[in-house]
PDB file of N, CA and C in Angstrom:
ATOM      1  N   MET A   1       0.836  -1.197   0.000  1.00  0.00           N
ATOM      2  CA  MET A   1       0.000   0.000   0.000  1.00  0.00           C
ATOM      3  C   MET A   1       0.879   1.260   0.000  1.00  0.00           C
ATOM      4  N   ALA A   2       0.475   2.228  -0.778  1.00  0.00           N
ATOM      5  CA  ALA A   2       1.244   3.470  -0.883  1.00  0.00           C
ATOM      6  C   ALA A   2       1.240   4.202   0.452  1.00  0.00           C
ATOM      7  N   GLU A   3       2.352   4.827   0.744  1.00  0.00           N
ATOM      8  CA  GLU A   3       2.480   5.573   1.994  1.00  0.00           C
ATOM      9  C   GLU A   3       1.578   6.804   1.964  1.00  0.00           C
ATOM     10  N   GLU A   4       0.896   7.035   3.076  1.00  0.00           N
ATOM     11  CA  GLU A   4       0.094   8.243   3.221  1.00  0.00           C
ATOM     12  C   GLU A   4       0.594   9.003   4.438  1.00  0.00           C
ATOM     13  N   ILE A   5       0.505  10.309   4.347  1.00  0.00           N
ATOM     14  CA  ILE A   5       0.872  11.151   5.487  1.00  0.00           C
ATOM     15  C   ILE A   5      -0.281  12.106   5.769  1.00  0.00           C
ATOM     16  N   ARG A   6      -0.267  12.669   6.955  1.00  0.00           N
ATOM     17  CA  ARG A   6      -1.235  13.709   7.303  1.00  0.00           C
ATOM     18  C   ARG A   6      -0.433  14.958   7.635  1.00  0.00           C
ATOM     19  N   ALA A   7      -0.833  16.062   7.046  1.00  0.00           N
ATOM     20  CA  ALA A   7      -0.093  17.299   7.261  1.00  0.00           C
ATOM     21  C   ALA A   7      -1.044  18.478   7.376  1.00  0.00           C
ATOM     22  N   SER A   8      -0.517  19.515   7.998  1.00  0.00           N
ATOM     23  CA  SER A   8      -1.200  20.800   8.053  1.00  0.00           C
ATOM     24  C   SER A   8      -0.282  21.803   7.382  1.00  0.00           C
ATOM     25  N   HIS A   9      -0.861  22.874   6.875  1.00  0.00           N
ATOM     26  CA  HIS A   9       0.010  23.889   6.282  1.00  0.00           C
ATOM     27  C   HIS A   9      -0.568  25.282   6.473  1.00  0.00           C
ATOM     28  N   ILE A  10       0.332  26.238   6.288  1.00  0.00           N
ATOM     29  CA  ILE A  10      -0.022  27.656   6.298  1.00  0.00           C
ATOM     30  C   ILE A  10       0.435  28.190   4.947  1.00  0.00           C
ATOM     31  N   LEU A  11      -0.430  28.878   4.248  1.00  0.00           N
ATOM     32  CA  LEU A  11      -0.109  29.453   2.941  1.00  0.00           C
ATOM     33  C   LEU A  11      -0.115  30.973   3.043  1.00  0.00           C
ATOM     34  N   VAL A  12       1.015  31.587   2.635  1.00  0.00           N
ATOM     35  CA  VAL A  12       1.118  33.049   2.611  1.00  0.00           C
ATOM     36  C   VAL A  12       1.711  33.482   1.269  1.00  0.00           C
ATOM     37  N   LYS A  13       1.669  34.787   0.998  1.00  0.00           N
ATOM     38  CA  LYS A  13       2.114  35.296  -0.300  1.00  0.00           C
ATOM     39  C   LYS A  13       3.632  35.421  -0.444  1.00  0.00           C
ATOM     40  N   THR A  14       4.338  35.803   0.633  1.00  0.00           N
ATOM     41  CA  THR A  14       5.758  36.131   0.487  1.00  0.00           C
ATOM     42  C   THR A  14       6.671  35.264   1.345  1.00  0.00           C
ATOM     43  N   LYS A  15       7.919  35.152   0.898  1.00  0.00           N
ATOM     44  CA  LYS A  15       8.913  34.399   1.660  1.00  0.00           C
ATOM     45  C   LYS A  15       9.184  35.093   2.994  1.00  0.00           C
ATOM     46  N   ASP A  16       9.207  36.421   2.990  1.00  0.00           N
ATOM     47  CA  ASP A  16       9.446  37.163   4.235  1.00  0.00           C
ATOM     48  C   ASP A  16       8.400  36.819   5.284  1.00  0.00           C
ATOM     49  N   GLU A  17       7.146  36.782   4.869  1.00  0.00           N
ATOM     50  CA  GLU A  17       6.074  36.446   5.804  1.00  0.00           C
ATOM     51  C   GLU A  17       6.219  34.999   6.292  1.00  0.00           C
ATOM     52  N   ALA A  18       6.547  34.094   5.369  1.00  0.00           N
ATOM     53  CA  ALA A  18       6.729  32.687   5.741  1.00  0.00           C
ATOM     54  C   ALA A  18       7.901  32.530   6.717  1.00  0.00           C
ATOM     55  N   ASP A  19       8.990  33.236   6.458  1.00  0.00           N
ATOM     56  CA  ASP A  19      10.166  33.177   7.351  1.00  0.00           C
ATOM     57  C   ASP A  19       9.811  33.667   8.749  1.00  0.00           C
ATOM     58  N   LYS A  20       9.070  34.765   8.821  1.00  0.00           N
ATOM     59  CA  LYS A  20       8.674  35.351  10.106  1.00  0.00           C
ATOM     60  C   LYS A  20       7.784  34.374  10.887  1.00  0.00           C
ATOM     61  N   LEU A  21       6.803  33.782  10.199  1.00  0.00           N
ATOM     62  CA  LEU A  21       5.909  32.831  10.851  1.00  0.00           C
ATOM     63  C   LEU A  21       6.661  31.579  11.294  1.00  0.00           C
ATOM     64  N   TYR A  22       7.612  31.130  10.472  1.00  0.00           N
ATOM     65  CA  TYR A  22       8.431  29.960  10.814  1.00  0.00           C
ATOM     66  C   TYR A  22       9.130  30.210  12.153  1.00  0.00           C
ATOM     67  N   GLU A  23       9.742  31.379  12.294  1.00  0.00           N
ATOM     68  CA  GLU A  23      10.451  31.721  13.539  1.00  0.00           C
ATOM     69  C   GLU A  23       9.486  31.792  14.721  1.00  0.00           C
ATOM     70  N   GLU A  24       8.317  32.372  14.512  1.00  0.00           N
ATOM     71  CA  GLU A  24       7.327  32.492  15.595  1.00  0.00           C
ATOM     72  C   GLU A  24       6.850  31.117  16.061  1.00  0.00           C
ATOM     73  N   ILE A  25       6.595  30.220  15.126  1.00  0.00           N
ATOM     74  CA  ILE A  25       6.124  28.874  15.475  1.00  0.00           C
ATOM     75  C   ILE A  25       7.243  28.092  16.157  1.00  0.00           C
ATOM     76  N   LYS A  26       8.465  28.225  15.647  1.00  0.00           N
ATOM     77  CA  LYS A  26       9.610  27.552  16.274  1.00  0.00           C
ATOM     78  C   LYS A  26       9.803  28.044  17.707  1.00  0.00           C
ATOM     79  N   ALA A  27       9.454  29.312  17.947  1.00  0.00           N
ATOM     80  CA  ALA A  27       9.601  29.915  19.280  1.00  0.00           C
ATOM     81  C   ALA A  27       8.432  29.568  20.199  1.00  0.00           C
ATOM     82  N   GLY A  28       7.444  28.805  19.687  1.00  0.00           N
ATOM     83  CA  GLY A  28       6.379  28.353  20.572  1.00  0.00           C
ATOM     84  C   GLY A  28       4.970  28.762  20.226  1.00  0.00           C
ATOM     85  N   LYS A  29       4.801  29.603  19.197  1.00  0.00           N
ATOM     86  CA  LYS A  29       3.444  29.978  18.806  1.00  0.00           C
ATOM     87  C   LYS A  29       2.709  28.756  18.254  1.00  0.00           C
ATOM     88  N   ASP A  30       1.411  28.655  18.515  1.00  0.00           N
ATOM     89  CA  ASP A  30       0.622  27.502  18.098  1.00  0.00           C
ATOM     90  C   ASP A  30       0.371  27.504  16.589  1.00  0.00           C
ATOM     91  N   PHE A  31       0.770  26.405  15.932  1.00  0.00           N
ATOM     92  CA  PHE A  31       0.647  26.297  14.472  1.00  0.00           C
ATOM     93  C   PHE A  31      -0.797  26.488  14.006  1.00  0.00           C
ATOM     94  N   ALA A  32      -1.729  25.767  14.614  1.00  0.00           N
ATOM     95  CA  ALA A  32      -3.128  25.822  14.196  1.00  0.00           C
ATOM     96  C   ALA A  32      -3.717  27.225  14.376  1.00  0.00           C
ATOM     97  N   GLU A  33      -3.310  27.884  15.447  1.00  0.00           N
ATOM     98  CA  GLU A  33      -3.784  29.243  15.708  1.00  0.00           C
ATOM     99  C   GLU A  33      -3.288  30.193  14.618  1.00  0.00           C
ATOM    100  N   VAL A  34      -2.002  30.076  14.281  1.00  0.00           N
ATOM    101  CA  VAL A  34      -1.419  30.916  13.233  1.00  0.00           C
ATOM    102  C   VAL A  34      -2.113  30.630  11.897  1.00  0.00           C
ATOM    103  N   ALA A  35      -2.329  29.348  11.601  1.00  0.00           N
ATOM    104  CA  ALA A  35      -2.994  28.968  10.340  1.00  0.00           C
ATOM    105  C   ALA A  35      -4.375  29.605  10.236  1.00  0.00           C
ATOM    106  N   SER A  36      -5.140  29.538  11.323  1.00  0.00           N
ATOM    107  CA  SER A  36      -6.504  30.082  11.262  1.00  0.00           C
ATOM    108  C   SER A  36      -6.500  31.602  11.146  1.00  0.00           C
ATOM    109  N   GLU A  37      -5.422  32.248  11.615  1.00  0.00           N
ATOM    110  CA  GLU A  37      -5.345  33.714  11.546  1.00  0.00           C
ATOM    111  C   GLU A  37      -4.856  34.220  10.192  1.00  0.00           C
ATOM    112  N   VAL A  38      -3.861  33.537   9.595  1.00  0.00           N
ATOM    113  CA  VAL A  38      -3.204  34.130   8.423  1.00  0.00           C
ATOM    114  C   VAL A  38      -3.197  33.308   7.140  1.00  0.00           C
ATOM    115  N   SER A  39      -3.502  32.012   7.204  1.00  0.00           N
ATOM    116  CA  SER A  39      -3.375  31.186   5.998  1.00  0.00           C
ATOM    117  C   SER A  39      -4.359  31.618   4.917  1.00  0.00           C
ATOM    118  N   LEU A  40      -3.877  31.670   3.678  1.00  0.00           N
ATOM    119  CA  LEU A  40      -4.713  32.037   2.539  1.00  0.00           C
ATOM    120  C   LEU A  40      -5.498  30.840   1.999  1.00  0.00           C
ATOM    121  N   CYS A  41      -5.194  29.650   2.498  1.00  0.00           N
ATOM    122  CA  CYS A  41      -5.877  28.433   2.061  1.00  0.00           C
ATOM    123  C   CYS A  41      -7.136  28.229   2.908  1.00  0.00           C
ATOM    124  N   PRO A  42      -8.220  27.738   2.294  1.00  0.00           N
ATOM    125  CA  PRO A  42      -9.435  27.461   3.080  1.00  0.00           C
ATOM    126  C   PRO A  42      -9.189  26.508   4.257  1.00  0.00           C
ATOM    127  N   SER A  43      -8.147  25.664   4.157  1.00  0.00           N
ATOM    128  CA  SER A  43      -7.826  24.745   5.257  1.00  0.00           C
ATOM    129  C   SER A  43      -7.421  25.489   6.531  1.00  0.00           C
ATOM    130  N   GLY A  44      -7.088  26.765   6.401  1.00  0.00           N
ATOM    131  CA  GLY A  44      -6.720  27.569   7.570  1.00  0.00           C
ATOM    132  C   GLY A  44      -7.800  27.552   8.636  1.00  0.00           C
ATOM    133  N   GLN A  45      -9.062  27.487   8.198  1.00  0.00           N
ATOM    134  CA  GLN A  45     -10.180  27.464   9.144  1.00  0.00           C
ATOM    135  C   GLN A  45     -10.162  26.218  10.016  1.00  0.00           C
ATOM    136  N   ALA A  46      -9.490  25.160   9.538  1.00  0.00           N
ATOM    137  CA  ALA A  46      -9.360  23.913  10.298  1.00  0.00           C
ATOM    138  C   ALA A  46      -7.951  23.802  10.882  1.00  0.00           C
ATOM    139  N   GLY A  47      -7.336  24.955  11.146  1.00  0.00           N
ATOM    140  CA  GLY A  47      -5.982  24.947  11.696  1.00  0.00           C
ATOM    141  C   GLY A  47      -4.937  24.513  10.680  1.00  0.00           C
ATOM    142  N   GLY A  48      -5.309  24.559   9.409  1.00  0.00           N
ATOM    143  CA  GLY A  48      -4.379  24.200   8.347  1.00  0.00           C
ATOM    144  C   GLY A  48      -4.387  22.727   7.986  1.00  0.00           C
ATOM    145  N   ASP A  49      -5.237  21.933   8.647  1.00  0.00           N
ATOM    146  CA  ASP A  49      -5.232  20.486   8.431  1.00  0.00           C
ATOM    147  C   ASP A  49      -5.666  20.122   7.018  1.00  0.00           C
ATOM    148  N   LEU A  50      -4.831  19.335   6.337  1.00  0.00           N
ATOM    149  CA  LEU A  50      -5.139  18.870   4.984  1.00  0.00           C
ATOM    150  C   LEU A  50      -5.615  17.422   4.975  1.00  0.00           C
ATOM    151  N   GLY A  51      -5.624  16.786   6.148  1.00  0.00           N
ATOM    152  CA  GLY A  51      -6.006  15.383   6.209  1.00  0.00           C
ATOM    153  C   GLY A  51      -4.885  14.499   5.668  1.00  0.00           C
ATOM    154  N   TYR A  52      -5.239  13.245   5.359  1.00  0.00           N
ATOM    155  CA  TYR A  52      -4.261  12.288   4.831  1.00  0.00           C
ATOM    156  C   TYR A  52      -4.189  12.397   3.316  1.00  0.00           C
ATOM    157  N   PHE A  53      -2.983  12.251   2.780  1.00  0.00           N
ATOM    158  CA  PHE A  53      -2.811  12.229   1.327  1.00  0.00           C
ATOM    159  C   PHE A  53      -1.592  11.384   0.967  1.00  0.00           C
ATOM    160  N   GLY A  54      -1.634  10.869  -0.251  1.00  0.00           N
ATOM    161  CA  GLY A  54      -0.529  10.062  -0.759  1.00  0.00           C
ATOM    162  C   GLY A  54       0.255  10.833  -1.801  1.00  0.00           C
ATOM    163  N   LYS A  55       1.267  10.168  -2.348  1.00  0.00           N
ATOM    164  CA  LYS A  55       2.078  10.805  -3.398  1.00  0.00           C
ATOM    165  C   LYS A  55       1.231  11.019  -4.638  1.00  0.00           C
ATOM    166  N   GLY A  56       1.494  12.128  -5.309  1.00  0.00           N
ATOM    167  CA  GLY A  56       0.771  12.449  -6.525  1.00  0.00           C
ATOM    168  C   GLY A  56      -0.486  13.272  -6.305  1.00  0.00           C
ATOM    169  N   MET A  57      -0.803  13.568  -5.044  1.00  0.00           N
ATOM    170  CA  MET A  57      -2.030  14.316  -4.751  1.00  0.00           C
ATOM    171  C   MET A  57      -1.793  15.811  -4.528  1.00  0.00           C
ATOM    172  N   MET A  58      -0.534  16.180  -4.309  1.00  0.00           N
ATOM    173  CA  MET A  58      -0.184  17.583  -4.075  1.00  0.00           C
ATOM    174  C   MET A  58       0.831  18.012  -5.134  1.00  0.00           C
ATOM    175  N   VAL A  59       1.013  19.329  -5.284  1.00  0.00           N
ATOM    176  CA  VAL A  59       2.026  19.796  -6.229  1.00  0.00           C
ATOM    177  C   VAL A  59       3.406  19.316  -5.758  1.00  0.00           C
ATOM    178  N   LYS A  60       4.301  19.074  -6.711  1.00  0.00           N
ATOM    179  CA  LYS A  60       5.572  18.412  -6.449  1.00  0.00           C
ATOM    180  C   LYS A  60       6.415  19.056  -5.341  1.00  0.00           C
ATOM    181  N   PRO A  61       6.686  20.366  -5.362  1.00  0.00           N
ATOM    182  CA  PRO A  61       7.541  20.929  -4.300  1.00  0.00           C
ATOM    183  C   PRO A  61       6.949  20.717  -2.906  1.00  0.00           C
ATOM    184  N   PHE A  62       5.620  20.849  -2.813  1.00  0.00           N
ATOM    185  CA  PHE A  62       4.924  20.649  -1.539  1.00  0.00           C
ATOM    186  C   PHE A  62       5.044  19.194  -1.109  1.00  0.00           C
ATOM    187  N   GLU A  63       4.761  18.285  -2.027  1.00  0.00           N
ATOM    188  CA  GLU A  63       4.822  16.848  -1.736  1.00  0.00           C
ATOM    189  C   GLU A  63       6.227  16.432  -1.298  1.00  0.00           C
ATOM    190  N   ASP A  64       7.227  16.872  -2.040  1.00  0.00           N
ATOM    191  CA  ASP A  64       8.614  16.514  -1.705  1.00  0.00           C
ATOM    192  C   ASP A  64       8.971  16.957  -0.288  1.00  0.00           C
ATOM    193  N   ALA A  65       8.592  18.179   0.055  1.00  0.00           N
ATOM    194  CA  ALA A  65       8.897  18.709   1.393  1.00  0.00           C
ATOM    195  C   ALA A  65       8.119  17.953   2.467  1.00  0.00           C
ATOM    196  N   ALA A  66       6.842  17.714   2.219  1.00  0.00           N
ATOM    197  CA  ALA A  66       5.994  17.054   3.217  1.00  0.00           C
ATOM    198  C   ALA A  66       6.468  15.629   3.498  1.00  0.00           C
ATOM    199  N   PHE A  67       6.786  14.875   2.447  1.00  0.00           N
ATOM    200  CA  PHE A  67       7.199  13.485   2.636  1.00  0.00           C
ATOM    201  C   PHE A  67       8.589  13.363   3.245  1.00  0.00           C
ATOM    202  N   ALA A  68       9.375  14.437   3.213  1.00  0.00           N
ATOM    203  CA  ALA A  68      10.726  14.410   3.787  1.00  0.00           C
ATOM    204  C   ALA A  68      10.716  14.675   5.299  1.00  0.00           C
ATOM    205  N   LEU A  69       9.576  15.137   5.828  1.00  0.00           N
ATOM    206  CA  LEU A  69       9.491  15.494   7.243  1.00  0.00           C
ATOM    207  C   LEU A  69       9.292  14.269   8.133  1.00  0.00           C
ATOM    208  N   GLU A  70       9.709  14.421   9.387  1.00  0.00           N
ATOM    209  CA  GLU A  70       9.388  13.438  10.425  1.00  0.00           C
ATOM    210  C   GLU A  70       8.130  13.931  11.133  1.00  0.00           C
ATOM    211  N   LYS A  71       7.397  13.004  11.748  1.00  0.00           N
ATOM    212  CA  LYS A  71       6.175  13.364  12.473  1.00  0.00           C
ATOM    213  C   LYS A  71       6.487  14.458  13.499  1.00  0.00           C
ATOM    214  N   GLY A  72       5.679  15.522  13.490  1.00  0.00           N
ATOM    215  CA  GLY A  72       5.852  16.629  14.421  1.00  0.00           C
ATOM    216  C   GLY A  72       6.828  17.692  13.951  1.00  0.00           C
ATOM    217  N   GLU A  73       7.449  17.461  12.789  1.00  0.00           N
ATOM    218  CA  GLU A  73       8.452  18.398  12.283  1.00  0.00           C
ATOM    219  C   GLU A  73       7.802  19.473  11.417  1.00  0.00           C
ATOM    220  N   LEU A  74       8.347  20.690  11.498  1.00  0.00           N
ATOM    221  CA  LEU A  74       7.886  21.832  10.712  1.00  0.00           C
ATOM    222  C   LEU A  74       8.876  22.091   9.590  1.00  0.00           C
ATOM    223  N   SER A  75       8.365  22.264   8.373  1.00  0.00           N
ATOM    224  CA  SER A  75       9.254  22.550   7.238  1.00  0.00           C
ATOM    225  C   SER A  75       9.704  23.998   7.259  1.00  0.00           C
ATOM    226  N   LYS A  76      10.830  24.243   6.615  1.00  0.00           N
ATOM    227  CA  LYS A  76      11.223  25.610   6.291  1.00  0.00           C
ATOM    228  C   LYS A  76      10.240  26.040   5.184  1.00  0.00           C
ATOM    229  N   PRO A  77      10.153  27.342   4.865  1.00  0.00           N
ATOM    230  CA  PRO A  77       9.213  27.770   3.823  1.00  0.00           C
ATOM    231  C   PRO A  77       9.459  27.060   2.482  1.00  0.00           C
ATOM    232  N   VAL A  78       8.362  26.647   1.849  1.00  0.00           N
ATOM    233  CA  VAL A  78       8.399  25.931   0.567  1.00  0.00           C
ATOM    234  C   VAL A  78       7.594  26.743  -0.438  1.00  0.00           C
ATOM    235  N   GLU A  79       8.192  27.010  -1.616  1.00  0.00           N
ATOM    236  CA  GLU A  79       7.495  27.796  -2.632  1.00  0.00           C
ATOM    237  C   GLU A  79       6.800  26.893  -3.649  1.00  0.00           C
ATOM    238  N   THR A  80       5.535  27.220  -3.953  1.00  0.00           N
ATOM    239  CA  THR A  80       4.795  26.576  -5.043  1.00  0.00           C
ATOM    240  C   THR A  80       4.151  27.692  -5.858  1.00  0.00           C
ATOM    241  N   GLN A  81       3.412  27.309  -6.889  1.00  0.00           N
ATOM    242  CA  GLN A  81       2.734  28.335  -7.694  1.00  0.00           C
ATOM    243  C   GLN A  81       1.648  29.056  -6.905  1.00  0.00           C
ATOM    244  N   PHE A  82       1.268  28.520  -5.750  1.00  0.00           N
ATOM    245  CA  PHE A  82       0.215  29.137  -4.936  1.00  0.00           C
ATOM    246  C   PHE A  82       0.766  30.164  -3.955  1.00  0.00           C
ATOM    247  N   GLY A  83       2.054  30.102  -3.666  1.00  0.00           N
ATOM    248  CA  GLY A  83       2.673  30.998  -2.693  1.00  0.00           C
ATOM    249  C   GLY A  83       3.692  30.238  -1.861  1.00  0.00           C
ATOM    250  N   TRP A  84       3.840  30.639  -0.599  1.00  0.00           N
ATOM    251  CA  TRP A  84       4.811  30.042   0.316  1.00  0.00           C
ATOM    252  C   TRP A  84       4.090  29.267   1.406  1.00  0.00           C
ATOM    253  N   HIS A  85       4.543  28.047   1.629  1.00  0.00           N
ATOM    254  CA  HIS A  85       3.914  27.156   2.601  1.00  0.00           C
ATOM    255  C   HIS A  85       4.847  26.854   3.761  1.00  0.00           C
ATOM    256  N   LEU A  86       4.264  26.718   4.944  1.00  0.00           N
ATOM    257  CA  LEU A  86       4.923  26.066   6.078  1.00  0.00           C
ATOM    258  C   LEU A  86       4.130  24.796   6.277  1.00  0.00           C
ATOM    259  N   ILE A  87       4.835  23.676   6.357  1.00  0.00           N
ATOM    260  CA  ILE A  87       4.165  22.374   6.441  1.00  0.00           C
ATOM    261  C   ILE A  87       4.516  21.708   7.772  1.00  0.00           C
ATOM    262  N   LEU A  88       3.505  21.251   8.471  1.00  0.00           N
ATOM    263  CA  LEU A  88       3.690  20.524   9.727  1.00  0.00           C
ATOM    264  C   LEU A  88       3.194  19.113   9.498  1.00  0.00           C
ATOM    265  N   LEU A  89       4.097  18.126   9.653  1.00  0.00           N
ATOM    266  CA  LEU A  89       3.701  16.732   9.488  1.00  0.00           C
ATOM    267  C   LEU A  89       3.077  16.255  10.791  1.00  0.00           C
ATOM    268  N   THR A  90       1.812  15.840  10.722  1.00  0.00           N
ATOM    269  CA  THR A  90       1.109  15.448  11.946  1.00  0.00           C
ATOM    270  C   THR A  90       0.979  13.934  12.116  1.00  0.00           C
ATOM    271  N   ASP A  91       1.116  13.180  11.008  1.00  0.00           N
ATOM    272  CA  ASP A  91       1.055  11.712  11.138  1.00  0.00           C
ATOM    273  C   ASP A  91       1.656  11.072   9.894  1.00  0.00           C
ATOM    274  N   LYS A  92       2.238   9.875  10.116  1.00  0.00           N
ATOM    275  CA  LYS A  92       2.833   9.112   9.020  1.00  0.00           C
ATOM    276  C   LYS A  92       2.225   7.751   8.975  1.00  0.00           C
TER     277      LYS A  92
END
């Protein structure tokens, strides 16, 4: 069976904003709270939760970053055609 992961993300327009949020979350700010406040993705309303997904379901840069994470790990900002993402792996 293909590997599936569960992840949450925050989508913003600029790398500067993503970098700032990355530092705030690393310093202890709640990921889901930040997602619901600033994420441009509709998933922000659910704390950024995207549910479970397998390979081939997300755009390549996002997928590559998400699958490289360990459970509980936060990605550095990742750029896609939609903007800049911070990805939190919540389950493997």
